[in-house]
């Protein structure tokens, strides 16, 4: 005979971590790269990271397609001079715009990573571990950690303001 008080339904504890929508994540990612005094959920960081990777691949493909017409020339002295003189202003402008966009994406990802470190109750300065050999392993570990559901000193999530 089983005792009835052992058969209680399991209720998962309520989480205080907000669940941002995709549009909120993209708005924060693209328009708040330098707002570092905030927090970022795991979902927000990894979606931002995935979008940044996809856009970087697209930018790399466009740059590769832009340089392909110039890659079939043999690079001896006379043809090298012709190659340099044949690069058009359009090619240069496209590369400048794409480079600025790529740099903007990297700043956005840096901001998201710092906000993610804040969400795990670590200072944003830990991001400098990327400059140390194998320091990226610690950064990945910190980014994977779950959200600290207690008040931290870095404020709220950007999309909740």
Protein backbone atom coordinates (compact mmCIF):
# COMPACT_ATOMS: atom_id res chain seq x y z
CA UNK A 1 0.00 0.00 0.00
CA UNK A 2 1.56 3.23 -1.21
CA UNK A 3 1.36 6.31 0.88
CA UNK A 4 -0.43 9.21 -0.77
CA UNK A 5 1.83 12.00 0.47
CA UNK A 6 4.68 10.77 -1.77
CA UNK A 7 2.65 11.35 -4.94
CA UNK A 8 2.86 15.11 -5.23
CA UNK A 9 3.20 16.76 -8.60
CA UNK A 10 6.51 18.40 -9.34
CA UNK A 11 6.37 22.16 -9.81
CA UNK A 12 9.41 23.75 -11.38
CA UNK A 13 10.49 26.88 -9.52
CA UNK A 14 9.61 30.20 -11.10
CA UNK A 15 12.51 31.84 -12.89
CA UNK A 16 13.04 35.58 -12.77
CA UNK A 17 15.05 35.53 -16.01
CA UNK A 18 13.08 37.27 -18.77
CA UNK A 19 12.54 35.59 -22.12
CA UNK A 20 13.25 38.15 -24.88
CA UNK A 21 11.71 37.93 -28.31
CA UNK A 22 13.84 37.74 -31.44
CA UNK A 23 13.04 41.36 -32.35
CA UNK A 24 14.12 42.56 -28.90
CA UNK A 25 17.35 40.61 -29.18
CA UNK A 26 18.13 42.08 -32.61
CA UNK A 27 17.28 45.62 -31.47
CA UNK A 28 19.65 45.31 -28.51
CA UNK A 29 22.34 43.63 -30.59
CA UNK A 30 22.43 46.16 -33.41
CA UNK A 31 21.61 49.40 -31.60
CA UNK A 32 23.29 49.00 -28.18
CA UNK A 33 26.86 47.86 -28.74
CA UNK A 34 28.36 50.22 -26.17
CA UNK A 35 25.76 49.80 -23.42
CA UNK A 36 27.91 47.60 -21.26
CA UNK A 37 26.35 48.38 -17.89
CA UNK A 38 23.54 45.86 -18.33
CA UNK A 39 22.87 42.14 -18.48
CA UNK A 40 22.27 39.66 -21.30
CA UNK A 41 20.58 36.26 -21.09
CA UNK A 42 22.11 33.12 -22.58
CA UNK A 43 19.42 33.07 -25.25
CA UNK A 44 20.13 36.69 -26.17
CA UNK A 45 23.89 36.12 -26.40
CA UNK A 46 23.81 32.92 -28.46
CA UNK A 47 21.20 34.20 -30.91
CA UNK A 48 23.27 37.37 -31.34
CA UNK A 49 26.37 35.24 -31.88
CA UNK A 50 24.62 33.08 -34.50
CA UNK A 51 23.33 36.14 -36.38
CA UNK A 52 26.80 37.67 -36.31
CA UNK A 53 28.34 34.48 -37.75
CA UNK A 54 25.77 34.31 -40.56
CA UNK A 55 26.22 37.99 -41.47
CA UNK A 56 30.03 37.60 -41.37
CA UNK A 57 29.82 34.66 -43.78
CA UNK A 58 27.62 36.72 -46.11
CA UNK A 59 30.08 39.65 -45.96
CA UNK A 60 33.01 37.32 -46.66
CA UNK A 61 31.19 35.84 -49.64
CA UNK A 62 30.41 39.29 -51.05
CA UNK A 63 34.05 40.36 -50.67
CA UNK A 64 35.22 37.14 -52.32
CA UNK A 65 32.84 37.68 -55.24
CA UNK A 66 34.01 41.29 -55.54
CA UNK A 67 37.67 40.28 -55.85
CA UNK A 68 37.20 37.25 -58.15
CA UNK A 69 37.46 39.22 -61.42
CA UNK A 70 40.89 40.45 -60.34
CA UNK A 71 42.24 37.06 -59.25
CA UNK A 72 42.65 35.51 -62.70
CA UNK A 73 45.48 37.81 -63.77
CA UNK A 74 49.05 36.50 -63.64
CA UNK A 75 51.06 38.64 -61.24
CA UNK A 76 54.22 39.44 -63.14
CA UNK A 77 55.37 43.08 -63.09
CA UNK A 78 53.39 44.50 -66.01
CA UNK A 79 50.19 42.64 -65.25
CA UNK A 80 50.44 43.52 -61.52
CA UNK A 81 50.51 47.21 -62.44
CA UNK A 82 47.50 46.70 -64.69
CA UNK A 83 45.70 44.88 -61.88
CA UNK A 84 46.29 47.69 -59.40
CA UNK A 85 45.20 50.31 -61.91
CA UNK A 86 42.10 48.34 -62.87
CA UNK A 87 40.67 48.19 -59.35
CA UNK A 88 37.66 50.41 -59.55
CA UNK A 89 36.39 52.93 -57.06
CA UNK A 90 33.27 50.79 -56.70
CA UNK A 91 35.36 47.87 -55.49
CA UNK A 92 37.08 50.10 -52.94
CA UNK A 93 33.80 51.58 -51.69
CA UNK A 94 32.19 48.13 -51.36
CA UNK A 95 35.16 46.88 -49.31
CA UNK A 96 35.14 49.95 -47.06
CA UNK A 97 31.40 49.62 -46.38
CA UNK A 98 31.64 45.88 -45.72
CA UNK A 99 34.67 46.37 -43.45
CA UNK A 100 32.81 49.01 -41.42
CA UNK A 101 29.80 46.70 -41.14
CA UNK A 102 32.03 43.82 -40.02
CA UNK A 103 33.71 46.03 -37.42
CA UNK A 104 30.27 47.15 -36.17
CA UNK A 105 29.24 43.51 -35.79
CA UNK A 106 32.37 42.75 -33.77
CA UNK A 107 31.68 45.71 -31.43
CA UNK A 108 28.11 44.49 -31.02
CA UNK A 109 29.30 41.01 -30.12
CA UNK A 110 31.82 42.46 -27.67
CA UNK A 111 29.00 44.39 -25.97
CA UNK A 112 26.82 41.28 -25.83
CA UNK A 113 29.69 39.23 -24.35
CA UNK A 114 30.36 41.84 -21.66
CA UNK A 115 26.65 41.99 -20.79
CA UNK A 116 26.62 38.18 -20.65
CA UNK A 117 29.55 38.21 -18.21
CA UNK A 118 27.60 40.68 -16.08
CA UNK A 119 24.64 38.31 -16.09
CA UNK A 120 26.83 35.59 -14.57
CA UNK A 121 28.04 38.10 -11.94
CA UNK A 122 31.51 38.55 -13.44
CA UNK A 123 33.09 41.86 -14.35
CA UNK A 124 33.31 42.75 -18.02
CA UNK A 125 37.08 43.06 -17.74
CA UNK A 126 37.26 39.26 -17.83
CA UNK A 127 36.81 39.64 -21.59
CA UNK A 128 40.50 40.58 -21.72
CA UNK A 129 41.30 36.89 -21.15
CA UNK A 130 40.94 36.60 -24.93
CA UNK A 131 44.36 38.22 -25.11
CA UNK A 132 45.92 35.42 -23.04
CA UNK A 133 46.70 32.07 -24.69
CA UNK A 134 43.84 29.67 -23.97
CA UNK A 135 42.03 32.42 -22.05
CA UNK A 136 39.07 32.01 -24.36
CA UNK A 137 38.31 28.70 -22.60
CA UNK A 138 37.53 30.58 -19.39
CA UNK A 139 35.40 33.12 -21.26
CA UNK A 140 33.36 30.34 -22.89
CA UNK A 141 32.91 28.74 -19.47
CA UNK A 142 31.68 32.04 -17.98
CA UNK A 143 29.32 32.63 -20.91
CA UNK A 144 27.81 29.15 -20.59
CA UNK A 145 27.11 29.59 -16.87
CA UNK A 146 23.45 30.08 -15.93
CA UNK A 147 22.08 33.47 -15.03
CA UNK A 148 22.59 34.63 -11.47
CA UNK A 149 19.03 35.21 -10.31
CA UNK A 150 19.94 37.59 -7.54
CA UNK A 151 20.57 41.30 -7.87
CA UNK A 152 23.93 42.06 -9.41
CA UNK A 153 25.63 45.42 -9.65
CA UNK A 154 25.20 45.83 -13.41
CA UNK A 155 21.54 46.67 -13.63
CA UNK A 156 18.80 45.15 -15.72
CA UNK A 157 18.40 43.61 -19.12
CA UNK A 158 18.29 46.11 -21.99
CA UNK A 159 15.00 44.87 -23.42
CA UNK A 160 13.16 45.30 -20.10
CA UNK A 161 13.72 49.07 -19.91
